[in-house]
PDB file of N, CA and C in Angstrom:
ATOM      1  N   UNK A   1     -11.117  11.902   5.560  1.00  0.00           N
ATOM      2  CA  UNK A   1     -10.055  10.940   5.757  1.00  0.00           C
ATOM      3  C   UNK A   1      -9.198  11.307   6.961  1.00  0.00           C
ATOM      4  N   UNK A   2      -8.924  12.592   7.144  1.00  0.00           N
ATOM      5  CA  UNK A   2      -8.100  13.034   8.269  1.00  0.00           C
ATOM      6  C   UNK A   2      -8.747  12.660   9.594  1.00  0.00           C
ATOM      7  N   UNK A   3     -10.058  12.856   9.696  1.00  0.00           N
ATOM      8  CA  UNK A   3     -10.766  12.480  10.919  1.00  0.00           C
ATOM      9  C   UNK A   3     -10.697  10.978  11.150  1.00  0.00           C
ATOM     10  N   UNK A   4     -10.831  10.213  10.094  1.00  0.00           N
ATOM     11  CA  UNK A   4     -10.753   8.761  10.211  1.00  0.00           C
ATOM     12  C   UNK A   4      -9.392   8.334  10.738  1.00  0.00           C
ATOM     13  N   UNK A   5      -8.342   8.890  10.198  1.00  0.00           N
ATOM     14  CA  UNK A   5      -6.993   8.554  10.641  1.00  0.00           C
ATOM     15  C   UNK A   5      -6.790   8.972  12.087  1.00  0.00           C
ATOM     16  N   UNK A   6      -7.288  10.139  12.466  1.00  0.00           N
ATOM     17  CA  UNK A   6      -7.145  10.606  13.844  1.00  0.00           C
ATOM     18  C   UNK A   6      -7.836   9.664  14.818  1.00  0.00           C
ATOM     19  N   UNK A   7      -8.971   9.128  14.418  1.00  0.00           N
ATOM     20  CA  UNK A   7      -9.714   8.226  15.294  1.00  0.00           C
ATOM     21  C   UNK A   7      -9.173   6.800  15.273  1.00  0.00           C
ATOM     22  N   UNK A   8      -8.577   6.396  14.190  1.00  0.00           N
ATOM     23  CA  UNK A   8      -8.032   5.055  14.048  1.00  0.00           C
ATOM     24  C   UNK A   8      -6.532   5.166  13.816  1.00  0.00           C
ATOM     25  N   UNK A   9      -5.789   5.349  14.843  1.00  0.00           N
ATOM     26  CA  UNK A   9      -4.361   5.688  14.737  1.00  0.00           C
ATOM     27  C   UNK A   9      -3.505   4.641  14.053  1.00  0.00           C
ATOM     28  N   UNK A  10      -3.990   3.436  13.932  1.00  0.00           N
ATOM     29  CA  UNK A  10      -3.158   2.402  13.321  1.00  0.00           C
ATOM     30  C   UNK A  10      -3.359   2.283  11.812  1.00  0.00           C
ATOM     31  N   UNK A  11      -4.101   3.201  11.208  1.00  0.00           N
ATOM     32  CA  UNK A  11      -4.258   3.199   9.752  1.00  0.00           C
ATOM     33  C   UNK A  11      -2.995   3.773   9.122  1.00  0.00           C
ATOM     34  N   UNK A  12      -2.464   3.071   8.162  1.00  0.00           N
ATOM     35  CA  UNK A  12      -1.255   3.515   7.474  1.00  0.00           C
ATOM     36  C   UNK A  12      -1.543   3.573   5.975  1.00  0.00           C
ATOM     37  N   UNK A  13      -0.916   4.509   5.309  1.00  0.00           N
ATOM     38  CA  UNK A  13      -1.064   4.619   3.865  1.00  0.00           C
ATOM     39  C   UNK A  13       0.252   4.230   3.204  1.00  0.00           C
ATOM     40  N   UNK A  14       0.174   3.602   2.058  1.00  0.00           N
ATOM     41  CA  UNK A  14       1.382   3.251   1.307  1.00  0.00           C
ATOM     42  C   UNK A  14       1.740   4.343   0.307  1.00  0.00           C
ATOM     43  N   UNK A  15       0.945   5.401   0.271  1.00  0.00           N
ATOM     44  CA  UNK A  15       1.096   6.463  -0.718  1.00  0.00           C
ATOM     45  C   UNK A  15       1.347   7.799  -0.038  1.00  0.00           C
ATOM     46  N   UNK A  16       2.338   8.524  -0.542  1.00  0.00           N
ATOM     47  CA  UNK A  16       2.620   9.883  -0.081  1.00  0.00           C
ATOM     48  C   UNK A  16       2.514  10.797  -1.291  1.00  0.00           C
ATOM     49  N   UNK A  17       1.656  11.819  -1.217  1.00  0.00           N
ATOM     50  CA  UNK A  17       1.476  12.771  -2.307  1.00  0.00           C
ATOM     51  C   UNK A  17       1.975  14.131  -1.842  1.00  0.00           C
ATOM     52  N   UNK A  18       2.895  14.705  -2.602  1.00  0.00           N
ATOM     53  CA  UNK A  18       3.471  16.014  -2.272  1.00  0.00           C
ATOM     54  C   UNK A  18       3.236  16.970  -3.434  1.00  0.00           C
ATOM     55  N   UNK A  19       2.647  18.104  -3.153  1.00  0.00           N
ATOM     56  CA  UNK A  19       2.363  19.100  -4.184  1.00  0.00           C
ATOM     57  C   UNK A  19       3.357  20.241  -4.053  1.00  0.00           C
ATOM     58  N   UNK A  20       4.259  20.351  -5.004  1.00  0.00           N
ATOM     59  CA  UNK A  20       5.276  21.409  -5.062  1.00  0.00           C
ATOM     60  C   UNK A  20       6.112  21.513  -3.782  1.00  0.00           C
ATOM     61  N   UNK A  21       6.656  20.395  -3.286  1.00  0.00           N
ATOM     62  CA  UNK A  21       7.440  20.468  -2.039  1.00  0.00           C
ATOM     63  C   UNK A  21       8.800  21.154  -2.207  1.00  0.00           C
ATOM     64  N   UNK A  22       9.222  21.368  -3.438  1.00  0.00           N
ATOM     65  CA  UNK A  22      10.551  21.929  -3.674  1.00  0.00           C
ATOM     66  C   UNK A  22      10.532  23.428  -3.963  1.00  0.00           C
ATOM     67  N   UNK A  23       9.348  24.014  -3.939  1.00  0.00           N
ATOM     68  CA  UNK A  23       9.228  25.440  -4.206  1.00  0.00           C
ATOM     69  C   UNK A  23      10.062  26.217  -3.202  1.00  0.00           C
ATOM     70  N   UNK A  24      10.829  27.160  -3.689  1.00  0.00           N
ATOM     71  CA  UNK A  24      11.675  28.058  -2.879  1.00  0.00           C
ATOM     72  C   UNK A  24      12.913  27.385  -2.307  1.00  0.00           C
ATOM     73  N   UNK A  25      13.230  26.160  -2.750  1.00  0.00           N
ATOM     74  CA  UNK A  25      14.467  25.513  -2.303  1.00  0.00           C
ATOM     75  C   UNK A  25      15.531  25.679  -3.375  1.00  0.00           C
ATOM     76  N   UNK A  26      16.780  25.812  -2.934  1.00  0.00           N
ATOM     77  CA  UNK A  26      17.871  25.873  -3.897  1.00  0.00           C
ATOM     78  C   UNK A  26      18.228  24.442  -4.321  1.00  0.00           C
ATOM     79  N   UNK A  27      19.215  24.308  -5.196  1.00  0.00           N
ATOM     80  CA  UNK A  27      19.576  22.989  -5.733  1.00  0.00           C
ATOM     81  C   UNK A  27      19.983  22.020  -4.623  1.00  0.00           C
ATOM     82  N   UNK A  28      20.705  22.507  -3.625  1.00  0.00           N
ATOM     83  CA  UNK A  28      21.129  21.649  -2.520  1.00  0.00           C
ATOM     84  C   UNK A  28      19.926  21.163  -1.728  1.00  0.00           C
ATOM     85  N   UNK A  29      19.000  22.055  -1.433  1.00  0.00           N
ATOM     86  CA  UNK A  29      17.792  21.677  -0.701  1.00  0.00           C
ATOM     87  C   UNK A  29      16.955  20.677  -1.464  1.00  0.00           C
ATOM     88  N   UNK A  30      16.835  20.870  -2.782  1.00  0.00           N
ATOM     89  CA  UNK A  30      16.070  19.929  -3.601  1.00  0.00           C
ATOM     90  C   UNK A  30      16.726  18.554  -3.600  1.00  0.00           C
ATOM     91  N   UNK A  31      18.038  18.522  -3.684  1.00  0.00           N
ATOM     92  CA  UNK A  31      18.750  17.242  -3.657  1.00  0.00           C
ATOM     93  C   UNK A  31      18.561  16.544  -2.311  1.00  0.00           C
ATOM     94  N   UNK A  32      18.573  17.302  -1.235  1.00  0.00           N
ATOM     95  CA  UNK A  32      18.374  16.713   0.097  1.00  0.00           C
ATOM     96  C   UNK A  32      16.975  16.128   0.240  1.00  0.00           C
ATOM     97  N   UNK A  33      15.971  16.823  -0.287  1.00  0.00           N
ATOM     98  CA  UNK A  33      14.607  16.291  -0.249  1.00  0.00           C
ATOM     99  C   UNK A  33      14.547  14.978  -1.016  1.00  0.00           C
ATOM    100  N   UNK A  34      15.175  14.921  -2.173  1.00  0.00           N
ATOM    101  CA  UNK A  34      15.207  13.682  -2.954  1.00  0.00           C
ATOM    102  C   UNK A  34      15.832  12.535  -2.174  1.00  0.00           C
ATOM    103  N   UNK A  35      16.928  12.798  -1.476  1.00  0.00           N
ATOM    104  CA  UNK A  35      17.591  11.761  -0.677  1.00  0.00           C
ATOM    105  C   UNK A  35      16.706  11.297   0.477  1.00  0.00           C
ATOM    106  N   UNK A  36      16.049  12.233   1.129  1.00  0.00           N
ATOM    107  CA  UNK A  36      15.167  11.885   2.248  1.00  0.00           C
ATOM    108  C   UNK A  36      14.012  11.011   1.766  1.00  0.00           C
ATOM    109  N   UNK A  37      13.417  11.378   0.640  1.00  0.00           N
ATOM    110  CA  UNK A  37      12.298  10.595   0.122  1.00  0.00           C
ATOM    111  C   UNK A  37      12.741   9.198  -0.289  1.00  0.00           C
ATOM    112  N   UNK A  38      13.895   9.093  -0.899  1.00  0.00           N
ATOM    113  CA  UNK A  38      14.426   7.774  -1.270  1.00  0.00           C
ATOM    114  C   UNK A  38      14.661   6.938  -0.009  1.00  0.00           C
ATOM    115  N   UNK A  39      15.198   7.562   1.039  1.00  0.00           N
ATOM    116  CA  UNK A  39      15.437   6.862   2.298  1.00  0.00           C
ATOM    117  C   UNK A  39      14.120   6.380   2.923  1.00  0.00           C
ATOM    118  N   UNK A  40      13.077   7.193   2.829  1.00  0.00           N
ATOM    119  CA  UNK A  40      11.771   6.775   3.342  1.00  0.00           C
ATOM    120  C   UNK A  40      11.291   5.499   2.664  1.00  0.00           C
ATOM    121  N   UNK A  41      11.481   5.415   1.365  1.00  0.00           N
ATOM    122  CA  UNK A  41      11.068   4.218   0.633  1.00  0.00           C
ATOM    123  C   UNK A  41      11.927   3.016   1.000  1.00  0.00           C
ATOM    124  N   UNK A  42      13.218   3.230   1.220  1.00  0.00           N
ATOM    125  CA  UNK A  42      14.114   2.130   1.547  1.00  0.00           C
ATOM    126  C   UNK A  42      13.864   1.573   2.938  1.00  0.00           C
ATOM    127  N   UNK A  43      13.335   2.385   3.847  1.00  0.00           N
ATOM    128  CA  UNK A  43      13.082   1.930   5.211  1.00  0.00           C
ATOM    129  C   UNK A  43      11.883   1.012   5.318  1.00  0.00           C
ATOM    130  N   UNK A  44      11.201   0.781   4.229  1.00  0.00           N
ATOM    131  CA  UNK A  44      10.001  -0.066   4.285  1.00  0.00           C
ATOM    132  C   UNK A  44      10.337  -1.548   4.240  1.00  0.00           C
ATOM    133  N   UNK A  45      11.624  -1.901   4.233  1.00  0.00           N
ATOM    134  CA  UNK A  45      11.978  -3.317   4.163  1.00  0.00           C
ATOM    135  C   UNK A  45      11.828  -4.026   5.504  1.00  0.00           C
ATOM    136  N   UNK A  46      11.483  -3.281   6.587  1.00  0.00           N
ATOM    137  CA  UNK A  46      11.242  -3.894   7.885  1.00  0.00           C
ATOM    138  C   UNK A  46      12.483  -4.098   8.715  1.00  0.00           C
ATOM    139  N   UNK A  47      13.656  -3.709   8.239  1.00  0.00           N
ATOM    140  CA  UNK A  47      14.891  -3.909   8.990  1.00  0.00           C
ATOM    141  C   UNK A  47      15.005  -2.961  10.174  1.00  0.00           C
ATOM    142  N   UNK A  48      14.323  -1.858  10.132  1.00  0.00           N
ATOM    143  CA  UNK A  48      14.337  -0.875  11.205  1.00  0.00           C
ATOM    144  C   UNK A  48      13.048  -1.040  11.997  1.00  0.00           C
ATOM    145  N   UNK A  49      13.166  -1.449  13.277  1.00  0.00           N
ATOM    146  CA  UNK A  49      11.959  -1.732  14.064  1.00  0.00           C
ATOM    147  C   UNK A  49      11.092  -0.498  14.233  1.00  0.00           C
ATOM    148  N   UNK A  50      11.687   0.677  14.279  1.00  0.00           N
ATOM    149  CA  UNK A  50      10.894   1.899  14.429  1.00  0.00           C
ATOM    150  C   UNK A  50      10.007   2.151  13.227  1.00  0.00           C
ATOM    151  N   UNK A  51      10.464   1.748  12.048  1.00  0.00           N
ATOM    152  CA  UNK A  51       9.690   1.978  10.829  1.00  0.00           C
ATOM    153  C   UNK A  51       9.114   0.689  10.259  1.00  0.00           C
ATOM    154  N   UNK A  52       9.100  -0.385  11.053  1.00  0.00           N
ATOM    155  CA  UNK A  52       8.614  -1.673  10.546  1.00  0.00           C
ATOM    156  C   UNK A  52       7.164  -1.601  10.091  1.00  0.00           C
ATOM    157  N   UNK A  53       6.366  -0.737  10.714  1.00  0.00           N
ATOM    158  CA  UNK A  53       4.969  -0.603  10.315  1.00  0.00           C
ATOM    159  C   UNK A  53       4.793   0.323   9.122  1.00  0.00           C
ATOM    160  N   UNK A  54       5.844   0.975   8.710  1.00  0.00           N
ATOM    161  CA  UNK A  54       5.778   1.892   7.586  1.00  0.00           C
ATOM    162  C   UNK A  54       5.767   1.088   6.292  1.00  0.00           C
ATOM    163  N   UNK A  55       4.696   1.185   5.546  1.00  0.00           N
ATOM    164  CA  UNK A  55       4.564   0.437   4.291  1.00  0.00           C
ATOM    165  C   UNK A  55       4.565   1.379   3.095  1.00  0.00           C
ATOM    166  N   UNK A  56       5.269   2.492   3.204  1.00  0.00           N
ATOM    167  CA  UNK A  56       5.315   3.471   2.123  1.00  0.00           C
ATOM    168  C   UNK A  56       5.967   2.848   0.901  1.00  0.00           C
ATOM    169  N   UNK A  57       5.224   2.774  -0.195  1.00  0.00           N
ATOM    170  CA  UNK A  57       5.752   2.169  -1.413  1.00  0.00           C
ATOM    171  C   UNK A  57       5.750   3.120  -2.597  1.00  0.00           C
ATOM    172  N   UNK A  58       4.963   4.199  -2.505  1.00  0.00           N
ATOM    173  CA  UNK A  58       4.826   5.099  -3.641  1.00  0.00           C
ATOM    174  C   UNK A  58       4.828   6.546  -3.181  1.00  0.00           C
ATOM    175  N   UNK A  59       5.613   7.362  -3.878  1.00  0.00           N
ATOM    176  CA  UNK A  59       5.614   8.801  -3.641  1.00  0.00           C
ATOM    177  C   UNK A  59       5.247   9.481  -4.954  1.00  0.00           C
ATOM    178  N   UNK A  60       4.228  10.305  -4.905  1.00  0.00           N
ATOM    179  CA  UNK A  60       3.838  11.106  -6.065  1.00  0.00           C
ATOM    180  C   UNK A  60       4.164  12.554  -5.736  1.00  0.00           C
ATOM    181  N   UNK A  61       4.981  13.164  -6.578  1.00  0.00           N
ATOM    182  CA  UNK A  61       5.340  14.566  -6.393  1.00  0.00           C
ATOM    183  C   UNK A  61       4.874  15.357  -7.601  1.00  0.00           C
ATOM    184  N   UNK A  62       4.200  16.447  -7.345  1.00  0.00           N
ATOM    185  CA  UNK A  62       3.791  17.356  -8.409  1.00  0.00           C
ATOM    186  C   UNK A  62       4.844  18.457  -8.447  1.00  0.00           C
ATOM    187  N   UNK A  63       5.546  18.564  -9.578  1.00  0.00           N
ATOM    188  CA  UNK A  63       6.675  19.487  -9.685  1.00  0.00           C
ATOM    189  C   UNK A  63       6.599  20.298 -10.965  1.00  0.00           C
ATOM    190  N   UNK A  64       7.335  21.378 -10.986  1.00  0.00           N
ATOM    191  CA  UNK A  64       7.538  22.138 -12.209  1.00  0.00           C
ATOM    192  C   UNK A  64       8.715  21.515 -12.956  1.00  0.00           C
ATOM    193  N   UNK A  65       8.862  21.835 -14.219  1.00  0.00           N
ATOM    194  CA  UNK A  65       9.847  21.194 -15.090  1.00  0.00           C
ATOM    195  C   UNK A  65      11.272  21.168 -14.537  1.00  0.00           C
ATOM    196  N   UNK A  66      11.788  22.306 -14.133  1.00  0.00           N
ATOM    197  CA  UNK A  66      13.185  22.366 -13.706  1.00  0.00           C
ATOM    198  C   UNK A  66      13.458  21.509 -12.489  1.00  0.00           C
ATOM    199  N   UNK A  67      12.581  21.540 -11.517  1.00  0.00           N
ATOM    200  CA  UNK A  67      12.784  20.753 -10.307  1.00  0.00           C
ATOM    201  C   UNK A  67      12.751  19.264 -10.619  1.00  0.00           C
ATOM    202  N   UNK A  68      11.878  18.841 -11.495  1.00  0.00           N
ATOM    203  CA  UNK A  68      11.770  17.423 -11.847  1.00  0.00           C
ATOM    204  C   UNK A  68      13.046  16.927 -12.521  1.00  0.00           C
ATOM    205  N   UNK A  69      13.604  17.722 -13.394  1.00  0.00           N
ATOM    206  CA  UNK A  69      14.824  17.317 -14.093  1.00  0.00           C
ATOM    207  C   UNK A  69      15.980  17.101 -13.129  1.00  0.00           C
ATOM    208  N   UNK A  70      16.068  17.912 -12.096  1.00  0.00           N
ATOM    209  CA  UNK A  70      17.161  17.786 -11.136  1.00  0.00           C
ATOM    210  C   UNK A  70      17.050  16.524 -10.286  1.00  0.00           C
ATOM    211  N   UNK A  71      15.862  15.964 -10.158  1.00  0.00           N
ATOM    212  CA  UNK A  71      15.655  14.824  -9.273  1.00  0.00           C
ATOM    213  C   UNK A  71      15.510  13.494  -9.996  1.00  0.00           C
ATOM    214  N   UNK A  72      15.804  13.460 -11.275  1.00  0.00           N
ATOM    215  CA  UNK A  72      15.604  12.226 -12.040  1.00  0.00           C
ATOM    216  C   UNK A  72      16.288  11.019 -11.414  1.00  0.00           C
ATOM    217  N   UNK A  73      17.491  11.182 -10.880  1.00  0.00           N
ATOM    218  CA  UNK A  73      18.207  10.036 -10.321  1.00  0.00           C
ATOM    219  C   UNK A  73      17.691   9.621  -8.947  1.00  0.00           C
ATOM    220  N   UNK A  74      16.838  10.430  -8.339  1.00  0.00           N
ATOM    221  CA  UNK A  74      16.297  10.101  -7.020  1.00  0.00           C
ATOM    222  C   UNK A  74      15.090   9.170  -7.089  1.00  0.00           C
ATOM    223  N   UNK A  75      14.492   9.013  -8.275  1.00  0.00           N
ATOM    224  CA  UNK A  75      13.254   8.251  -8.380  1.00  0.00           C
ATOM    225  C   UNK A  75      13.359   7.180  -9.452  1.00  0.00           C
ATOM    226  N   UNK A  76      12.541   6.146  -9.302  1.00  0.00           N
ATOM    227  CA  UNK A  76      12.527   5.049 -10.267  1.00  0.00           C
ATOM    228  C   UNK A  76      11.942   5.474 -11.599  1.00  0.00           C
ATOM    229  N   UNK A  77      10.942   6.321 -11.553  1.00  0.00           N
ATOM    230  CA  UNK A  77      10.338   6.798 -12.797  1.00  0.00           C
ATOM    231  C   UNK A  77       9.722   8.170 -12.575  1.00  0.00           C
ATOM    232  N   UNK A  78       9.645   8.914 -13.647  1.00  0.00           N
ATOM    233  CA  UNK A  78       9.022  10.234 -13.622  1.00  0.00           C
ATOM    234  C   UNK A  78       8.069  10.303 -14.804  1.00  0.00           C
ATOM    235  N   UNK A  79       6.796  10.450 -14.503  1.00  0.00           N
ATOM    236  CA  UNK A  79       5.775  10.628 -15.538  1.00  0.00           C
ATOM    237  C   UNK A  79       5.558  12.126 -15.721  1.00  0.00           C
ATOM    238  N   UNK A  80       5.294  12.532 -16.935  1.00  0.00           N
ATOM    239  CA  UNK A  80       5.191  13.951 -17.251  1.00  0.00           C
ATOM    240  C   UNK A  80       3.808  14.255 -17.808  1.00  0.00           C
ATOM    241  N   UNK A  81       3.191  15.313 -17.287  1.00  0.00           N
ATOM    242  CA  UNK A  81       1.930  15.805 -17.829  1.00  0.00           C
ATOM    243  C   UNK A  81       2.257  16.991 -18.727  1.00  0.00           C
ATOM    244  N   UNK A  82       1.844  16.902 -19.969  1.00  0.00           N
ATOM    245  CA  UNK A  82       2.112  17.962 -20.947  1.00  0.00           C
ATOM    246  C   UNK A  82       0.785  18.568 -21.365  1.00  0.00           C
ATOM    247  N   UNK A  83       0.719  19.879 -21.292  1.00  0.00           N
ATOM    248  CA  UNK A  83      -0.491  20.579 -21.720  1.00  0.00           C
ATOM    249  C   UNK A  83      -0.154  21.401 -22.953  1.00  0.00           C
ATOM    250  N   UNK A  84      -0.919  21.177 -24.010  1.00  0.00           N
ATOM    251  CA  UNK A  84      -0.687  21.876 -25.263  1.00  0.00           C
ATOM    252  C   UNK A  84      -2.034  22.257 -25.866  1.00  0.00           C
ATOM    253  N   UNK A  85      -2.226  23.523 -26.109  1.00  0.00           N
ATOM    254  CA  UNK A  85      -3.480  24.024 -26.679  1.00  0.00           C
ATOM    255  C   UNK A  85      -4.707  23.582 -25.879  1.00  0.00           C
ATOM    256  N   UNK A  86      -4.586  23.615 -24.549  1.00  0.00           N
ATOM    257  CA  UNK A  86      -5.719  23.276 -23.694  1.00  0.00           C
ATOM    258  C   UNK A  86      -5.972  21.794 -23.523  1.00  0.00           C
ATOM    259  N   UNK A  87      -5.127  20.952 -24.087  1.00  0.00           N
ATOM    260  CA  UNK A  87      -5.284  19.506 -23.971  1.00  0.00           C
ATOM    261  C   UNK A  87      -4.101  18.946 -23.188  1.00  0.00           C
ATOM    262  N   UNK A  88      -4.393  18.169 -22.153  1.00  0.00           N
ATOM    263  CA  UNK A  88      -3.341  17.566 -21.333  1.00  0.00           C
ATOM    264  C   UNK A  88      -3.195  16.100 -21.691  1.00  0.00           C
ATOM    265  N   UNK A  89      -1.940  15.645 -21.659  1.00  0.00           N
ATOM    266  CA  UNK A  89      -1.667  14.211 -21.862  1.00  0.00           C
ATOM    267  C   UNK A  89      -0.547  13.811 -20.924  1.00  0.00           C
ATOM    268  N   UNK A  90      -0.504  12.544 -20.584  1.00  0.00           N
ATOM    269  CA  UNK A  90       0.506  12.018 -19.666  1.00  0.00           C
ATOM    270  C   UNK A  90       1.487  11.159 -20.447  1.00  0.00           C
ATOM    271  N   UNK A  91       2.763  11.454 -20.271  1.00  0.00           N
ATOM    272  CA  UNK A  91       3.831  10.631 -20.846  1.00  0.00           C
ATOM    273  C   UNK A  91       4.366   9.775 -19.709  1.00  0.00           C
ATOM    274  N   UNK A  92       4.122   8.469 -19.783  1.00  0.00           N
ATOM    275  CA  UNK A  92       4.488   7.559 -18.722  1.00  0.00           C
ATOM    276  C   UNK A  92       5.909   7.062 -18.946  1.00  0.00           C
ATOM    277  N   UNK A  93       6.702   7.152 -17.898  1.00  0.00           N
ATOM    278  CA  UNK A  93       8.108   6.721 -17.929  1.00  0.00           C
ATOM    279  C   UNK A  93       8.200   5.228 -17.827  1.00  0.00           C
TER     280      UNK A  93
END
């Protein structure tokens, strides 16, 4: 996919996936990341000509429990994966 995007520069994705982006950040840093991500989603309304081509509509973040709890107000929904006795299940918000 990376090669495809490099060769076709006008390909845009509506999805951003972040795996543990808050690791090693303090509470202030985590809050700032949440604000930045929310701003990225809000800029997709086309009002900003620089980001008019940005169609980002979904952000998936893989987080540990504590970090997710601190960012609840930054996102529309938070789904939780719970693993118990080797069995995983998803609790959809």
